[in-house]
Structure formats: C-alpha cells, structure tokens
C-alpha cells in the first residue's frame, strides 16, 4: 500500500536508530515496542521486499515456536549458507545483514 511504501522510505533513513534502540533500550517494554518497527528481508519474498516481525509471526506454521533468521553480510551469502539449506522450503527465514 501507499502507506507501506512511505514507511519503507522512512525506515531506510532511521533503521540504524531503531536497531540501536532494540539493543540499548532501558526496558524490555521499550525494546519490544521498537522491535515492532523493524523491517526484514524474508526468504518468502523477492530481494528488497521487507516484512515486519508481526507479519512474519502471522505466517508462521501453527507448530512453529521459533523465529528463524540468518545473520550474514548479504542476503546472497545467506542464501548459499548450509544453515539456510536446513530451512529452505520448510520454514520462512528472515535475513539480517545490517549491523545493529
């Protein structure tokens, strides 16, 4: 939607501060609130398409209790990782490539 495009643009300018807030926030409540603002690339979508943690959780399989992610310098490297191969086709994986 148009609002999501606007938010994505806003996010690109401030994502570093959101990520820092999740790491350095004073309370867990604050960290959780900031975490809801984060966006991630996902194995379910083409490169460049971003998703929130809430959207990821909505798509999780009913028996899934864990958020799966891979931290790598780039999505391309993450997709060639043997760790990703374990989940490929079974579970959605979030790609984390930016330093916090």
C-alpha atoms as a PDB file:
ATOM      1  CA  UNK A   1       0.000   0.000   0.000  1.00  0.00           C
ATOM      2  CA  UNK A   2       0.953   3.636  -0.289  1.00  0.00           C
ATOM      3  CA  UNK A   3       1.454   3.914   3.489  1.00  0.00           C
ATOM      4  CA  UNK A   4       3.812   0.932   3.487  1.00  0.00           C
ATOM      5  CA  UNK A   5       5.900   2.477   0.713  1.00  0.00           C
ATOM      6  CA  UNK A   6       6.138   5.697   2.750  1.00  0.00           C
ATOM      7  CA  UNK A   7       7.095   3.742   5.869  1.00  0.00           C
ATOM      8  CA  UNK A   8       9.749   1.765   3.974  1.00  0.00           C
ATOM      9  CA  UNK A   9      11.300   5.041   2.795  1.00  0.00           C
ATOM     10  CA  UNK A  10      11.157   6.464   6.342  1.00  0.00           C
ATOM     11  CA  UNK A  11      12.598   3.236   7.746  1.00  0.00           C
ATOM     12  CA  UNK A  12      15.590   3.295   5.406  1.00  0.00           C
ATOM     13  CA  UNK A  13      16.576   6.667   6.855  1.00  0.00           C
ATOM     14  CA  UNK A  14      16.189   5.694  10.511  1.00  0.00           C
ATOM     15  CA  UNK A  15      16.654   1.910  10.692  1.00  0.00           C
ATOM     16  CA  UNK A  16      20.055   2.238  12.346  1.00  0.00           C
ATOM     17  CA  UNK A  17      18.467   4.133  15.253  1.00  0.00           C
ATOM     18  CA  UNK A  18      15.630   1.610  15.627  1.00  0.00           C
ATOM     19  CA  UNK A  19      18.137  -1.244  15.768  1.00  0.00           C
ATOM     20  CA  UNK A  20      20.251   0.610  18.300  1.00  0.00           C
ATOM     21  CA  UNK A  21      17.148   1.187  20.421  1.00  0.00           C
ATOM     22  CA  UNK A  22      16.356  -2.531  20.480  1.00  0.00           C
ATOM     23  CA  UNK A  23      19.873  -3.257  21.732  1.00  0.00           C
ATOM     24  CA  UNK A  24      20.334  -0.368  24.170  1.00  0.00           C
ATOM     25  CA  UNK A  25      16.781   0.393  25.323  1.00  0.00           C
ATOM     26  CA  UNK A  26      16.279   0.768  29.071  1.00  0.00           C
ATOM     27  CA  UNK A  27      13.327  -1.582  29.494  1.00  0.00           C
ATOM     28  CA  UNK A  28      12.089  -4.717  27.793  1.00  0.00           C
ATOM     29  CA  UNK A  29       8.803  -2.951  27.055  1.00  0.00           C
ATOM     30  CA  UNK A  30      10.643  -0.205  25.180  1.00  0.00           C
ATOM     31  CA  UNK A  31      12.741  -2.749  23.290  1.00  0.00           C
ATOM     32  CA  UNK A  32       9.636  -4.724  22.293  1.00  0.00           C
ATOM     33  CA  UNK A  33       7.855  -1.581  21.107  1.00  0.00           C
ATOM     34  CA  UNK A  34      10.844  -0.558  18.997  1.00  0.00           C
ATOM     35  CA  UNK A  35      11.200  -4.108  17.629  1.00  0.00           C
ATOM     36  CA  UNK A  36       7.721  -3.778  16.130  1.00  0.00           C
ATOM     37  CA  UNK A  37       9.119  -1.013  13.893  1.00  0.00           C
ATOM     38  CA  UNK A  38      11.881  -3.185  12.406  1.00  0.00           C
ATOM     39  CA  UNK A  39      11.730  -4.496   8.842  1.00  0.00           C
ATOM     40  CA  UNK A  40      13.496  -7.547   7.430  1.00  0.00           C
ATOM     41  CA  UNK A  41      14.049  -9.297   4.146  1.00  0.00           C
ATOM     42  CA  UNK A  42      12.471 -12.747   4.098  1.00  0.00           C
ATOM     43  CA  UNK A  43      13.008 -15.984   2.235  1.00  0.00           C
ATOM     44  CA  UNK A  44       9.305 -15.835   1.317  1.00  0.00           C
ATOM     45  CA  UNK A  45       9.770 -12.685  -0.774  1.00  0.00           C
ATOM     46  CA  UNK A  46      11.988 -11.436  -3.548  1.00  0.00           C
ATOM     47  CA  UNK A  47      15.075  -9.412  -2.552  1.00  0.00           C
ATOM     48  CA  UNK A  48      14.257  -5.887  -1.452  1.00  0.00           C
ATOM     49  CA  UNK A  49      10.766  -6.722  -0.173  1.00  0.00           C
ATOM     50  CA  UNK A  50      10.543  -6.122   3.563  1.00  0.00           C
ATOM     51  CA  UNK A  51       8.363  -7.611   6.285  1.00  0.00           C
ATOM     52  CA  UNK A  52       7.737  -6.892   9.966  1.00  0.00           C
ATOM     53  CA  UNK A  53       8.112  -9.313  12.855  1.00  0.00           C
ATOM     54  CA  UNK A  54       4.335  -9.258  13.336  1.00  0.00           C
ATOM     55  CA  UNK A  55       3.738 -10.203   9.709  1.00  0.00           C
ATOM     56  CA  UNK A  56       6.309 -12.988  10.000  1.00  0.00           C
ATOM     57  CA  UNK A  57       4.619 -14.356  13.132  1.00  0.00           C
ATOM     58  CA  UNK A  58       1.223 -14.313  11.373  1.00  0.00           C
ATOM     59  CA  UNK A  59       2.698 -16.519   8.625  1.00  0.00           C
ATOM     60  CA  UNK A  60       4.430 -18.963  10.996  1.00  0.00           C
ATOM     61  CA  UNK A  61       3.312 -22.576  10.865  1.00  0.00           C
ATOM     62  CA  UNK A  62       0.943 -23.496  13.696  1.00  0.00           C
ATOM     63  CA  UNK A  63       3.533 -25.722  15.397  1.00  0.00           C
ATOM     64  CA  UNK A  64       6.415 -23.251  14.946  1.00  0.00           C
ATOM     65  CA  UNK A  65       7.579 -21.603  18.177  1.00  0.00           C
ATOM     66  CA  UNK A  66      10.815 -20.025  16.943  1.00  0.00           C
ATOM     67  CA  UNK A  67      11.631 -17.103  14.664  1.00  0.00           C
ATOM     68  CA  UNK A  68      14.224 -18.347  12.177  1.00  0.00           C
ATOM     69  CA  UNK A  69      16.854 -15.908  10.949  1.00  0.00           C
ATOM     70  CA  UNK A  70      20.314 -15.827   9.452  1.00  0.00           C
ATOM     71  CA  UNK A  71      22.794 -13.022  10.033  1.00  0.00           C
ATOM     72  CA  UNK A  72      25.120 -12.562   7.079  1.00  0.00           C
ATOM     73  CA  UNK A  73      26.867  -9.666   5.326  1.00  0.00           C
ATOM     74  CA  UNK A  74      24.368 -10.042   2.463  1.00  0.00           C
ATOM     75  CA  UNK A  75      21.228 -11.922   1.547  1.00  0.00           C
ATOM     76  CA  UNK A  76      23.069 -13.542  -1.346  1.00  0.00           C
ATOM     77  CA  UNK A  77      25.628 -15.058   1.037  1.00  0.00           C
ATOM     78  CA  UNK A  78      22.892 -16.122   3.451  1.00  0.00           C
ATOM     79  CA  UNK A  79      21.059 -17.976   0.680  1.00  0.00           C
ATOM     80  CA  UNK A  80      24.185 -20.038  -0.018  1.00  0.00           C
ATOM     81  CA  UNK A  81      24.704 -20.898   3.644  1.00  0.00           C
ATOM     82  CA  UNK A  82      24.374 -24.539   4.704  1.00  0.00           C
ATOM     83  CA  UNK A  83      22.279 -23.256   7.623  1.00  0.00           C
ATOM     84  CA  UNK A  84      19.750 -21.801   5.196  1.00  0.00           C
ATOM     85  CA  UNK A  85      19.603 -25.113   3.338  1.00  0.00           C
ATOM     86  CA  UNK A  86      18.230 -26.728   6.522  1.00  0.00           C
ATOM     87  CA  UNK A  87      15.184 -24.438   6.422  1.00  0.00           C
ATOM     88  CA  UNK A  88      14.753 -23.880   2.685  1.00  0.00           C
ATOM     89  CA  UNK A  89      11.277 -24.915   1.598  1.00  0.00           C
ATOM     90  CA  UNK A  90      10.265 -25.771   5.168  1.00  0.00           C
ATOM     91  CA  UNK A  91      10.260 -22.526   7.121  1.00  0.00           C
ATOM     92  CA  UNK A  92      10.413 -18.836   6.340  1.00  0.00           C
ATOM     93  CA  UNK A  93      13.766 -17.317   7.300  1.00  0.00           C
ATOM     94  CA  UNK A  94      14.499 -13.659   7.996  1.00  0.00           C
ATOM     95  CA  UNK A  95      17.735 -12.254   6.596  1.00  0.00           C
ATOM     96  CA  UNK A  96      19.660  -9.887   8.864  1.00  0.00           C
ATOM     97  CA  UNK A  97      22.551  -8.154   7.158  1.00  0.00           C
ATOM     98  CA  UNK A  98      22.861  -4.710   8.720  1.00  0.00           C
ATOM     99  CA  UNK A  99      24.963  -4.216  11.841  1.00  0.00           C
ATOM    100  CA  UNK A 100      22.963  -3.185  14.898  1.00  0.00           C
END
